[in-house]
Amino acid sequence: MTRGQGVPELDRDSARDWIERWDRQQEESLPDREDRFTALIDAVEEGAGRPDPLVLDLGCGPGSLSVRLLARLPQAAVIGIDADPVALALARAAYPDLPGLRLVDADLRVPGWSGPLGLNRPADAAVSTTALHWLPEPDLRSLYAELARVLRPGGLLLNGDHFGLDKERSPVLAHLDKALRQREELRRFPGGHPESWHAWWDAAAADPVLSGHVAERQHRHVDADHHATSSSLLATHVDALASAGFAEIGTLWQRGDSRLLCGVLPARPPTSLAANPANPADPADPADPADSGGWRFTQPPLDGAQPGGD
């Protein structure tokens, strides 16, 4: 199979090889990545309250978390959301027929990102790993506010990432947070790592199959604000979640600065949070029988068994 001017298609085996390389290079700064995945999925299984939860994977990348979640909860419907064309191309090629997985090309930095998801009921949980720290703080706050309007009452946010402490307020704790993770990396990988994050992206750009997607990624400025964001601070996320209406916020799992942060919505949403997820500025009518727990869902029904999305 070829694409365009003799450029080979991205087949399933090649995509899975690239994702395997991605997973290995991620361990460069995440030595306990699989442990954190396990804890996050444990929390979904325990907290969703049903065997077939609807889960939003925010910044899903090539699907590493989504695939692990579906392996544990095969009745779940997982919507992977990302704006990175490389990650989406890999996920779509690697898992073209995985039941329960749907991938949507949407930019979490843009208000209204939940509209294209086609939700027909509130989501039970939203998950994310090593993704939301890329967002500038105003975009992060907007994201959490919109998320609070598409999760069910009592719904969960589970975010695994490096959440640092304020070095000015807690210099010793901030140092120890990072040092514990670095020591764990030396224990697990004493010989170092064969490939870094930058080396992986250089290799992808050099691959004729992926180079076009890499160029599109650069055009979209997917990581334009990565090095200028304050969203790696734990306090930033806690404050943004509280402002969005999450009632309980805390750390479920931790090793050094690697944390699994959980936010829990109230059992019933405040009237101000009831809104149409396709248009977050449109408040729902509590008297409308079509509403579900204060939300109005006017999008077509979700077909969680069709991967690929838009």
C-alpha atoms as a PDB file:
ATOM      1  CA  MET A   1       0.000   0.000   0.000  1.00  0.00           C
ATOM      2  CA  THR A   2       1.233   3.482  -0.816  1.00  0.00           C
ATOM      3  CA  ARG A   3       0.077   7.007  -0.128  1.00  0.00           C
ATOM      4  CA  GLY A   4       0.508   9.880  -2.541  1.00  0.00           C
ATOM      5  CA  GLN A   5       3.822  10.006  -4.388  1.00  0.00           C
ATOM      6  CA  GLY A   6       5.053   6.535  -3.514  1.00  0.00           C
ATOM      7  CA  VAL A   7       4.967   7.181   0.252  1.00  0.00           C
ATOM      8  CA  PRO A   8       4.176   3.927   2.075  1.00  0.00           C
ATOM      9  CA  GLU A   9       1.076   3.733   4.270  1.00  0.00           C
ATOM     10  CA  LEU A  10       1.400   3.450   8.010  1.00  0.00           C
ATOM     11  CA  ASP A  11       0.421  -0.166   8.643  1.00  0.00           C
ATOM     12  CA  ARG A  12      -0.604  -1.730  11.935  1.00  0.00           C
ATOM     13  CA  ASP A  13       2.690  -3.479  12.676  1.00  0.00           C
ATOM     14  CA  SER A  14       4.767  -0.371  11.971  1.00  0.00           C
ATOM     15  CA  ALA A  15       2.451   1.767  14.105  1.00  0.00           C
ATOM     16  CA  ARG A  16       2.701  -0.654  16.997  1.00  0.00           C
ATOM     17  CA  ASP A  17       6.483  -0.691  16.698  1.00  0.00           C
ATOM     18  CA  TRP A  18       6.502   3.107  16.934  1.00  0.00           C
ATOM     19  CA  ILE A  19       4.177   3.014  19.939  1.00  0.00           C
ATOM     20  CA  GLU A  20       6.411   0.444  21.634  1.00  0.00           C
ATOM     21  CA  ARG A  21       9.337   2.833  21.132  1.00  0.00           C
ATOM     22  CA  TRP A  22       7.183   5.653  22.481  1.00  0.00           C
ATOM     23  CA  ASP A  23       6.361   3.692  25.615  1.00  0.00           C
ATOM     24  CA  ARG A  24      10.023   2.874  26.229  1.00  0.00           C
ATOM     25  CA  GLN A  25      11.223   6.458  25.799  1.00  0.00           C
ATOM     26  CA  GLN A  26       8.497   7.711  28.107  1.00  0.00           C
ATOM     27  CA  GLU A  27      10.174   5.731  30.874  1.00  0.00           C
ATOM     28  CA  GLU A  28      13.141   8.103  30.646  1.00  0.00           C
ATOM     29  CA  SER A  29      11.353  10.439  33.054  1.00  0.00           C
ATOM     30  CA  LEU A  30       8.625   8.033  34.194  1.00  0.00           C
ATOM     31  CA  PRO A  31      10.340   4.973  35.676  1.00  0.00           C
ATOM     32  CA  ASP A  32       7.099   3.898  37.384  1.00  0.00           C
ATOM     33  CA  ARG A  33       4.814   4.688  34.448  1.00  0.00           C
ATOM     34  CA  GLU A  34       3.151   1.275  34.458  1.00  0.00           C
ATOM     35  CA  ASP A  35       2.536   1.479  38.219  1.00  0.00           C
ATOM     36  CA  ARG A  36       0.785   4.816  37.736  1.00  0.00           C
ATOM     37  CA  PHE A  37      -1.286   3.413  34.858  1.00  0.00           C
ATOM     38  CA  THR A  38      -2.357   0.544  37.102  1.00  0.00           C
ATOM     39  CA  ALA A  39      -3.355   2.863  39.953  1.00  0.00           C
ATOM     40  CA  LEU A  40      -5.330   5.106  37.592  1.00  0.00           C
ATOM     41  CA  ILE A  41      -7.243   2.200  36.061  1.00  0.00           C
ATOM     42  CA  ASP A  42      -7.888   0.786  39.544  1.00  0.00           C
ATOM     43  CA  ALA A  43      -9.521   4.108  40.413  1.00  0.00           C
ATOM     44  CA  VAL A  44     -11.686   4.071  37.269  1.00  0.00           C
ATOM     45  CA  GLU A  45     -12.810   0.514  37.966  1.00  0.00           C
ATOM     46  CA  GLU A  46     -13.575   1.276  41.610  1.00  0.00           C
ATOM     47  CA  GLY A  47     -15.049   4.725  41.165  1.00  0.00           C
ATOM     48  CA  ALA A  48     -17.085   4.520  37.954  1.00  0.00           C
ATOM     49  CA  GLY A  49     -19.777   2.411  39.602  1.00  0.00           C
ATOM     50  CA  ARG A  50     -20.534   0.380  36.463  1.00  0.00           C
ATOM     51  CA  PRO A  51     -18.764  -2.207  34.273  1.00  0.00           C
ATOM     52  CA  ASP A  52     -19.272  -0.155  31.108  1.00  0.00           C
ATOM     53  CA  PRO A  53     -18.138   3.377  31.977  1.00  0.00           C
ATOM     54  CA  LEU A  54     -17.843   6.153  29.450  1.00  0.00           C
ATOM     55  CA  VAL A  55     -14.304   7.519  29.813  1.00  0.00           C
ATOM     56  CA  LEU A  56     -12.677  10.548  28.179  1.00  0.00           C
ATOM     57  CA  ASP A  57      -8.903  10.229  27.657  1.00  0.00           C
ATOM     58  CA  LEU A  58      -7.661  13.823  27.539  1.00  0.00           C
ATOM     59  CA  GLY A  59      -4.515  14.205  25.456  1.00  0.00           C
ATOM     60  CA  CYS A  60      -4.569  10.490  24.656  1.00  0.00           C
ATOM     61  CA  GLY A  61      -1.372  10.470  22.556  1.00  0.00           C
ATOM     62  CA  PRO A  62      -0.951   7.173  20.674  1.00  0.00           C
ATOM     63  CA  GLY A  63      -3.477   5.456  22.941  1.00  0.00           C
ATOM     64  CA  SER A  64      -1.208   3.925  25.573  1.00  0.00           C
ATOM     65  CA  LEU A  65      -3.606   4.551  28.472  1.00  0.00           C
ATOM     66  CA  SER A  66      -6.787   3.932  26.469  1.00  0.00           C
ATOM     67  CA  VAL A  67      -5.627   0.500  25.358  1.00  0.00           C
ATOM     68  CA  ARG A  68      -4.618  -0.528  28.880  1.00  0.00           C
ATOM     69  CA  LEU A  69      -7.929   0.699  30.253  1.00  0.00           C
ATOM     70  CA  LEU A  70      -9.932  -1.309  27.713  1.00  0.00           C
ATOM     71  CA  ALA A  71      -7.862  -4.408  28.431  1.00  0.00           C
ATOM     72  CA  ARG A  72      -9.042  -4.182  32.053  1.00  0.00           C
ATOM     73  CA  LEU A  73     -12.589  -2.935  31.314  1.00  0.00           C
ATOM     74  CA  PRO A  74     -13.568  -4.408  27.929  1.00  0.00           C
ATOM     75  CA  GLN A  75     -17.150  -3.138  28.219  1.00  0.00           C
ATOM     76  CA  ALA A  76     -16.034   0.462  28.587  1.00  0.00           C
ATOM     77  CA  ALA A  77     -16.341   3.116  25.895  1.00  0.00           C
ATOM     78  CA  VAL A  78     -13.210   5.270  25.701  1.00  0.00           C
ATOM     79  CA  ILE A  79     -12.993   8.461  23.672  1.00  0.00           C
ATOM     80  CA  GLY A  80      -9.373   9.444  23.068  1.00  0.00           C
ATOM     81  CA  ILE A  81      -8.978  13.178  22.447  1.00  0.00           C
ATOM     82  CA  ASP A  82      -5.854  14.771  21.008  1.00  0.00           C
ATOM     83  CA  ALA A  83      -4.762  17.408  18.517  1.00  0.00           C
ATOM     84  CA  ASP A  84      -1.437  15.763  17.691  1.00  0.00           C
ATOM     85  CA  PRO A  85      -1.671  14.307  14.146  1.00  0.00           C
ATOM     86  CA  VAL A  86       1.313  11.995  14.725  1.00  0.00           C
ATOM     87  CA  ALA A  87      -0.186  10.448  17.851  1.00  0.00           C
ATOM     88  CA  LEU A  88      -3.618  10.074  16.251  1.00  0.00           C
ATOM     89  CA  ALA A  89      -2.187   8.512  13.088  1.00  0.00           C
ATOM     90  CA  LEU A  90      -0.279   5.949  15.150  1.00  0.00           C
ATOM     91  CA  ALA A  91      -3.287   5.096  17.310  1.00  0.00           C
ATOM     92  CA  ARG A  92      -5.646   4.769  14.354  1.00  0.00           C
ATOM     93  CA  ALA A  93      -3.249   2.522  12.460  1.00  0.00           C
ATOM     94  CA  ALA A  94      -2.302   0.412  15.481  1.00  0.00           C
ATOM     95  CA  TYR A  95      -5.828  -0.194  16.807  1.00  0.00           C
ATOM     96  CA  PRO A  96      -8.190   0.009  13.823  1.00  0.00           C
ATOM     97  CA  ASP A  97     -10.695  -2.494  15.197  1.00  0.00           C
ATOM     98  CA  LEU A  98     -10.366  -2.260  18.976  1.00  0.00           C
ATOM     99  CA  PRO A  99     -13.899  -2.438  20.421  1.00  0.00           C
ATOM    100  CA  GLY A 100     -14.767   0.471  22.648  1.00  0.00           C
ATOM    101  CA  LEU A 101     -12.143   2.903  21.359  1.00  0.00           C
ATOM    102  CA  ARG A 102     -12.958   6.041  19.418  1.00  0.00           C
ATOM    103  CA  LEU A 103     -10.428   8.742  18.595  1.00  0.00           C
ATOM    104  CA  VAL A 104     -11.321  12.404  18.101  1.00  0.00           C
ATOM    105  CA  ASP A 105      -9.107  15.141  16.686  1.00  0.00           C
ATOM    106  CA  ALA A 106      -9.839  18.085  18.989  1.00  0.00           C
ATOM    107  CA  ASP A 107      -7.723  20.788  20.596  1.00  0.00           C
ATOM    108  CA  LEU A 108      -8.177  20.910  24.374  1.00  0.00           C
ATOM    109  CA  ARG A 109      -6.894  24.492  24.339  1.00  0.00           C
ATOM    110  CA  VAL A 110      -9.982  25.650  22.440  1.00  0.00           C
ATOM    111  CA  PRO A 111     -13.260  26.171  24.344  1.00  0.00           C
ATOM    112  CA  GLY A 112     -15.997  23.904  23.022  1.00  0.00           C
ATOM    113  CA  TRP A 113     -13.644  20.925  22.545  1.00  0.00           C
ATOM    114  CA  SER A 114     -16.324  18.632  24.006  1.00  0.00           C
ATOM    115  CA  GLY A 115     -18.843  19.409  21.265  1.00  0.00           C
ATOM    116  CA  PRO A 116     -17.371  17.111  18.583  1.00  0.00           C
ATOM    117  CA  LEU A 117     -17.313  14.153  20.983  1.00  0.00           C
ATOM    118  CA  GLY A 118     -20.940  13.297  20.214  1.00  0.00           C
ATOM    119  CA  LEU A 119     -21.866  12.485  23.807  1.00  0.00           C
ATOM    120  CA  ASN A 120     -25.344  11.093  24.457  1.00  0.00           C
ATOM    121  CA  ARG A 121     -24.861  10.906  28.233  1.00  0.00           C
ATOM    122  CA  PRO A 122     -22.502  12.381  30.802  1.00  0.00           C
ATOM    123  CA  ALA A 123     -19.076  10.751  31.024  1.00  0.00           C
ATOM    124  CA  ASP A 124     -18.314   8.738  34.144  1.00  0.00           C
ATOM    125  CA  ALA A 125     -14.643   9.668  34.268  1.00  0.00           C
ATOM    126  CA  ALA A 126     -11.970  11.664  32.500  1.00  0.00           C
ATOM    127  CA  VAL A 127      -8.389  10.433  32.542  1.00  0.00           C
ATOM    128  CA  SER A 128      -5.075  11.867  31.444  1.00  0.00           C
ATOM    129  CA  THR A 129      -1.403  11.078  31.828  1.00  0.00           C
ATOM    130  CA  THR A 130       1.562  13.371  31.188  1.00  0.00           C
ATOM    131  CA  ALA A 131      -0.481  15.675  28.989  1.00  0.00           C
ATOM    132  CA  LEU A 132      -2.255  18.543  30.733  1.00  0.00           C
ATOM    133  CA  HIS A 133       0.942  20.187  32.009  1.00  0.00           C
ATOM    134  CA  TRP A 134       1.388  21.333  28.404  1.00  0.00           C
ATOM    135  CA  LEU A 135      -1.561  23.716  28.740  1.00  0.00           C
ATOM    136  CA  PRO A 136      -1.021  27.329  29.826  1.00  0.00           C
ATOM    137  CA  GLU A 137      -2.874  28.035  33.051  1.00  0.00           C
ATOM    138  CA  PRO A 138      -5.802  29.962  31.464  1.00  0.00           C
ATOM    139  CA  ASP A 139      -6.388  27.075  29.033  1.00  0.00           C
ATOM    140  CA  LEU A 140      -6.139  24.538  31.865  1.00  0.00           C
ATOM    141  CA  ARG A 141      -8.766  26.406  33.870  1.00  0.00           C
ATOM    142  CA  SER A 142     -11.048  26.592  30.840  1.00  0.00           C
ATOM    143  CA  LEU A 143     -10.569  22.871  30.207  1.00  0.00           C
ATOM    144  CA  TYR A 144     -11.480  21.897  33.778  1.00  0.00           C
ATOM    145  CA  ALA A 145     -14.522  24.175  33.739  1.00  0.00           C
ATOM    146  CA  GLU A 146     -15.817  22.589  30.535  1.00  0.00           C
ATOM    147  CA  LEU A 147     -15.007  19.113  31.816  1.00  0.00           C
ATOM    148  CA  ALA A 148     -17.150  19.722  34.904  1.00  0.00           C
ATOM    149  CA  ARG A 149     -20.106  20.251  32.559  1.00  0.00           C
ATOM    150  CA  VAL A 150     -19.751  16.942  30.706  1.00  0.00           C
ATOM    151  CA  LEU A 151     -18.999  14.601  33.613  1.00  0.00           C
ATOM    152  CA  ARG A 152     -21.881  13.022  35.509  1.00  0.00           C
ATOM    153  CA  PRO A 153     -22.649  14.056  39.092  1.00  0.00           C
ATOM    154  CA  GLY A 154     -19.950  12.410  41.196  1.00  0.00           C
ATOM    155  CA  GLY A 155     -17.790  11.949  38.100  1.00  0.00           C
ATOM    156  CA  LEU A 156     -14.031  11.650  38.369  1.00  0.00           C
ATOM    157  CA  LEU A 157     -11.001  13.334  36.894  1.00  0.00           C
ATOM    158  CA  LEU A 158      -7.870  11.175  37.200  1.00  0.00           C
ATOM    159  CA  ASN A 159      -4.701  12.926  36.078  1.00  0.00           C
ATOM    160  CA  GLY A 160      -1.301  11.247  36.304  1.00  0.00           C
ATOM    161  CA  ASP A 161       1.611  13.608  35.804  1.00  0.00           C
ATOM    162  CA  HIS A 162       4.631  15.283  37.337  1.00  0.00           C
ATOM    163  CA  PHE A 163       3.116  17.795  39.749  1.00  0.00           C
ATOM    164  CA  GLY A 164       5.801  19.922  41.301  1.00  0.00           C
ATOM    165  CA  LEU A 165       5.695  21.955  44.478  1.00  0.00           C
ATOM    166  CA  ASP A 166       6.368  25.678  44.648  1.00  0.00           C
ATOM    167  CA  LYS A 167      10.131  25.971  45.132  1.00  0.00           C
ATOM    168  CA  GLU A 168       9.803  29.352  46.836  1.00  0.00           C
ATOM    169  CA  ARG A 169       7.304  28.159  49.428  1.00  0.00           C
ATOM    170  CA  SER A 170       8.624  24.616  49.925  1.00  0.00           C
ATOM    171  CA  PRO A 171      12.208  24.425  48.629  1.00  0.00           C
ATOM    172  CA  VAL A 172      13.220  21.276  50.546  1.00  0.00           C
ATOM    173  CA  LEU A 173      10.051  19.364  49.736  1.00  0.00           C
ATOM    174  CA  ALA A 174      10.262  20.397  46.084  1.00  0.00           C
ATOM    175  CA  HIS A 175      13.832  19.120  45.930  1.00  0.00           C
ATOM    176  CA  LEU A 176      12.965  15.827  47.639  1.00  0.00           C
ATOM    177  CA  ASP A 177       9.940  15.344  45.370  1.00  0.00           C
ATOM    178  CA  LYS A 178      12.128  15.374  42.278  1.00  0.00           C
ATOM    179  CA  ALA A 179      15.037  13.523  43.857  1.00  0.00           C
ATOM    180  CA  LEU A 180      12.890  10.535  44.850  1.00  0.00           C
ATOM    181  CA  ARG A 181      11.713  10.079  41.281  1.00  0.00           C
ATOM    182  CA  GLN A 182      15.262  10.406  39.933  1.00  0.00           C
ATOM    183  CA  ARG A 183      16.555   7.830  42.424  1.00  0.00           C
ATOM    184  CA  GLU A 184      13.819   5.422  41.391  1.00  0.00           C
ATOM    185  CA  GLU A 185      14.849   5.866  37.766  1.00  0.00           C
ATOM    186  CA  LEU A 186      18.456   4.977  38.611  1.00  0.00           C
ATOM    187  CA  ARG A 187      17.300   1.849  40.425  1.00  0.00           C
ATOM    188  CA  ARG A 188      15.069   0.649  37.608  1.00  0.00           C
ATOM    189  CA  PHE A 189      17.260   1.732  34.696  1.00  0.00           C
ATOM    190  CA  PRO A 190      20.884   1.742  35.900  1.00  0.00           C
ATOM    191  CA  GLY A 191      22.119   1.519  32.321  1.00  0.00           C
ATOM    192  CA  GLY A 192      20.093   4.499  31.161  1.00  0.00           C
ATOM    193  CA  HIS A 193      17.594   4.588  28.302  1.00  0.00           C
ATOM    194  CA  PRO A 194      18.185   3.763  24.635  1.00  0.00           C
ATOM    195  CA  GLU A 195      16.119   6.692  23.334  1.00  0.00           C
ATOM    196  CA  SER A 196      15.100  10.101  24.633  1.00  0.00           C
ATOM    197  CA  TRP A 197      11.929  12.069  23.925  1.00  0.00           C
ATOM    198  CA  HIS A 198      13.784  14.359  21.497  1.00  0.00           C
ATOM    199  CA  ALA A 199      15.481  11.405  19.770  1.00  0.00           C
ATOM    200  CA  TRP A 200      12.099   9.717  19.255  1.00  0.00           C
ATOM    201  CA  TRP A 201      10.687  12.815  17.566  1.00  0.00           C
ATOM    202  CA  ASP A 202      13.800  13.229  15.417  1.00  0.00           C
ATOM    203  CA  ALA A 203      13.417   9.633  14.264  1.00  0.00           C
ATOM    204  CA  ALA A 204       9.728  10.136  13.509  1.00  0.00           C
ATOM    205  CA  ALA A 205      10.480  13.238  11.428  1.00  0.00           C
ATOM    206  CA  ALA A 206      13.043  11.250   9.434  1.00  0.00           C
ATOM    207  CA  ASP A 207      10.584   8.435   8.654  1.00  0.00           C
ATOM    208  CA  PRO A 208       8.852   9.040   5.281  1.00  0.00           C
ATOM    209  CA  VAL A 209       5.676   7.445   6.639  1.00  0.00           C
ATOM    210  CA  LEU A 210       5.428   9.861   9.567  1.00  0.00           C
ATOM    211  CA  SER A 211       7.184  12.960   8.260  1.00  0.00           C
ATOM    212  CA  GLY A 212       4.007  14.464   6.809  1.00  0.00           C
ATOM    213  CA  HIS A 213       2.219  14.044  10.128  1.00  0.00           C
ATOM    214  CA  VAL A 214       5.200  15.592  11.920  1.00  0.00           C
ATOM    215  CA  ALA A 215       5.033  18.599   9.568  1.00  0.00           C
ATOM    216  CA  GLU A 216       1.319  18.972  10.297  1.00  0.00           C
ATOM    217  CA  ARG A 217       2.079  18.793  14.022  1.00  0.00           C
ATOM    218  CA  GLN A 218       4.523  21.667  13.668  1.00  0.00           C
ATOM    219  CA  HIS A 219       1.970  23.618  11.653  1.00  0.00           C
ATOM    220  CA  ARG A 220      -0.591  23.217  14.446  1.00  0.00           C
ATOM    221  CA  HIS A 221       1.898  24.356  17.126  1.00  0.00           C
ATOM    222  CA  VAL A 222       0.785  21.463  19.307  1.00  0.00           C
ATOM    223  CA  ASP A 223       3.566  22.006  21.840  1.00  0.00           C
ATOM    224  CA  ALA A 224       4.049  25.744  21.351  1.00  0.00           C
ATOM    225  CA  ASP A 225       3.543  26.635  25.030  1.00  0.00           C
ATOM    226  CA  HIS A 226       5.163  23.593  26.598  1.00  0.00           C
ATOM    227  CA  HIS A 227       8.174  25.368  28.031  1.00  0.00           C
ATOM    228  CA  ALA A 228       6.290  28.469  29.161  1.00  0.00           C
ATOM    229  CA  THR A 229       3.529  26.901  31.242  1.00  0.00           C
ATOM    230  CA  SER A 230       3.037  26.978  34.992  1.00  0.00           C
ATOM    231  CA  SER A 231       0.660  24.033  34.780  1.00  0.00           C
ATOM    232  CA  SER A 232       3.247  21.610  36.131  1.00  0.00           C
ATOM    233  CA  LEU A 233       2.627  22.938  39.656  1.00  0.00           C
ATOM    234  CA  LEU A 234       0.340  20.869  41.878  1.00  0.00           C
ATOM    235  CA  ALA A 235      -1.231  24.002  43.355  1.00  0.00           C
ATOM    236  CA  THR A 236      -2.242  25.246  39.908  1.00  0.00           C
ATOM    237  CA  HIS A 237      -4.279  22.099  39.214  1.00  0.00           C
ATOM    238  CA  VAL A 238      -5.828  21.963  42.677  1.00  0.00           C
ATOM    239  CA  ASP A 239      -6.963  25.589  42.465  1.00  0.00           C
ATOM    240  CA  ALA A 240      -8.257  25.200  38.896  1.00  0.00           C
ATOM    241  CA  LEU A 241     -10.261  22.085  39.830  1.00  0.00           C
ATOM    242  CA  ALA A 242     -11.745  23.798  42.881  1.00  0.00           C
ATOM    243  CA  SER A 243     -12.718  26.798  40.762  1.00  0.00           C
ATOM    244  CA  ALA A 244     -14.377  24.459  38.254  1.00  0.00           C
ATOM    245  CA  GLY A 245     -16.600  23.009  40.983  1.00  0.00           C
ATOM    246  CA  PHE A 246     -14.851  19.775  41.916  1.00  0.00           C
ATOM    247  CA  ALA A 247     -15.793  19.031  45.526  1.00  0.00           C
ATOM    248  CA  GLU A 248     -12.984  16.668  46.510  1.00  0.00           C
ATOM    249  CA  ILE A 249      -9.397  16.990  45.270  1.00  0.00           C
ATOM    250  CA  GLY A 250      -6.486  14.901  46.386  1.00  0.00           C
ATOM    251  CA  THR A 251      -3.578  12.623  45.524  1.00  0.00           C
ATOM    252  CA  LEU A 252      -4.407   8.917  45.226  1.00  0.00           C
ATOM    253  CA  TRP A 253      -0.925   7.656  44.353  1.00  0.00           C
ATOM    254  CA  GLN A 254       2.516   9.201  44.486  1.00  0.00           C
ATOM    255  CA  ARG A 255       6.215   8.572  44.086  1.00  0.00           C
ATOM    256  CA  GLY A 256       8.167  11.791  44.412  1.00  0.00           C
ATOM    257  CA  ASP A 257       6.681  14.364  42.057  1.00  0.00           C
ATOM    258  CA  SER A 258       4.903  11.672  40.030  1.00  0.00           C
ATOM    259  CA  ARG A 259       1.315  11.835  41.270  1.00  0.00           C
ATOM    260  CA  LEU A 260      -2.144  10.608  40.429  1.00  0.00           C
ATOM    261  CA  LEU A 261      -4.375  13.576  41.155  1.00  0.00           C
ATOM    262  CA  CYS A 262      -8.107  12.964  41.553  1.00  0.00           C
ATOM    263  CA  GLY A 263     -10.977  15.426  41.384  1.00  0.00           C
ATOM    264  CA  VAL A 264     -14.530  14.397  42.288  1.00  0.00           C
ATOM    265  CA  LEU A 265     -17.600  16.363  41.292  1.00  0.00           C
ATOM    266  CA  PRO A 266     -20.456  16.852  43.763  1.00  0.00           C
ATOM    267  CA  ALA A 267     -23.163  14.196  43.707  1.00  0.00           C
ATOM    268  CA  ARG A 268     -25.458  16.827  42.205  1.00  0.00           C
ATOM    269  CA  PRO A 269     -24.086  19.716  40.121  1.00  0.00           C
ATOM    270  CA  PRO A 270     -24.703  23.357  40.996  1.00  0.00           C
ATOM    271  CA  THR A 271     -27.210  24.971  38.638  1.00  0.00           C
ATOM    272  CA  SER A 272     -24.416  27.115  37.198  1.00  0.00           C
ATOM    273  CA  LEU A 273     -22.622  23.985  35.942  1.00  0.00           C
ATOM    274  CA  ALA A 274     -25.624  22.576  34.076  1.00  0.00           C
ATOM    275  CA  ALA A 275     -24.914  23.185  30.417  1.00  0.00           C
ATOM    276  CA  ASN A 276     -25.095  21.752  26.963  1.00  0.00           C
ATOM    277  CA  PRO A 277     -21.664  20.124  26.325  1.00  0.00           C
ATOM    278  CA  ALA A 278     -21.905  21.018  22.646  1.00  0.00           C
ATOM    279  CA  ASN A 279     -22.153  24.669  23.700  1.00  0.00           C
ATOM    280  CA  PRO A 280     -20.820  25.219  27.239  1.00  0.00           C
ATOM    281  CA  ALA A 281     -22.296  28.699  27.294  1.00  0.00           C
ATOM    282  CA  ASP A 282     -25.823  27.275  26.884  1.00  0.00           C
ATOM    283  CA  PRO A 283     -27.284  26.474  30.335  1.00  0.00           C
ATOM    284  CA  ALA A 284     -29.513  23.441  30.585  1.00  0.00           C
ATOM    285  CA  ASP A 285     -33.122  23.694  31.671  1.00  0.00           C
ATOM    286  CA  PRO A 286     -33.534  21.566  34.829  1.00  0.00           C
ATOM    287  CA  ALA A 287     -37.182  21.069  33.940  1.00  0.00           C
ATOM    288  CA  ASP A 288     -36.356  19.671  30.503  1.00  0.00           C
ATOM    289  CA  PRO A 289     -37.075  15.895  30.576  1.00  0.00           C
ATOM    290  CA  ALA A 290     -34.328  15.400  28.020  1.00  0.00           C
ATOM    291  CA  ASP A 291     -31.768  16.564  30.558  1.00  0.00           C
ATOM    292  CA  SER A 292     -29.672  13.996  32.410  1.00  0.00           C
ATOM    293  CA  GLY A 293     -28.632  15.102  35.864  1.00  0.00           C
ATOM    294  CA  GLY A 294     -28.778  18.738  34.782  1.00  0.00           C
ATOM    295  CA  TRP A 295     -27.069  18.298  31.396  1.00  0.00           C
ATOM    296  CA  ARG A 296     -28.671  18.488  27.953  1.00  0.00           C
ATOM    297  CA  PHE A 297     -27.267  16.124  25.318  1.00  0.00           C
ATOM    298  CA  THR A 298     -28.286  16.894  21.770  1.00  0.00           C
ATOM    299  CA  GLN A 299     -25.419  15.213  19.939  1.00  0.00           C
ATOM    300  CA  PRO A 300     -25.865  11.937  18.000  1.00  0.00           C
ATOM    301  CA  PRO A 301     -25.507   8.749  20.062  1.00  0.00           C
ATOM    302  CA  LEU A 302     -21.987   7.604  20.856  1.00  0.00           C
ATOM    303  CA  ASP A 303     -20.809   4.541  18.974  1.00  0.00           C
ATOM    304  CA  GLY A 304     -17.984   3.489  21.248  1.00  0.00           C
ATOM    305  CA  ALA A 305     -17.164   0.439  19.128  1.00  0.00           C
ATOM    306  CA  GLN A 306     -15.969   2.404  16.107  1.00  0.00           C
ATOM    307  CA  PRO A 307     -12.354   3.557  16.340  1.00  0.00           C
ATOM    308  CA  GLY A 308     -10.927   6.341  14.276  1.00  0.00           C
ATOM    309  CA  GLY A 309     -13.440   9.069  15.096  1.00  0.00           C
ATOM    310  CA  ASP A 310     -13.217  12.092  12.817  1.00  0.00           C
END
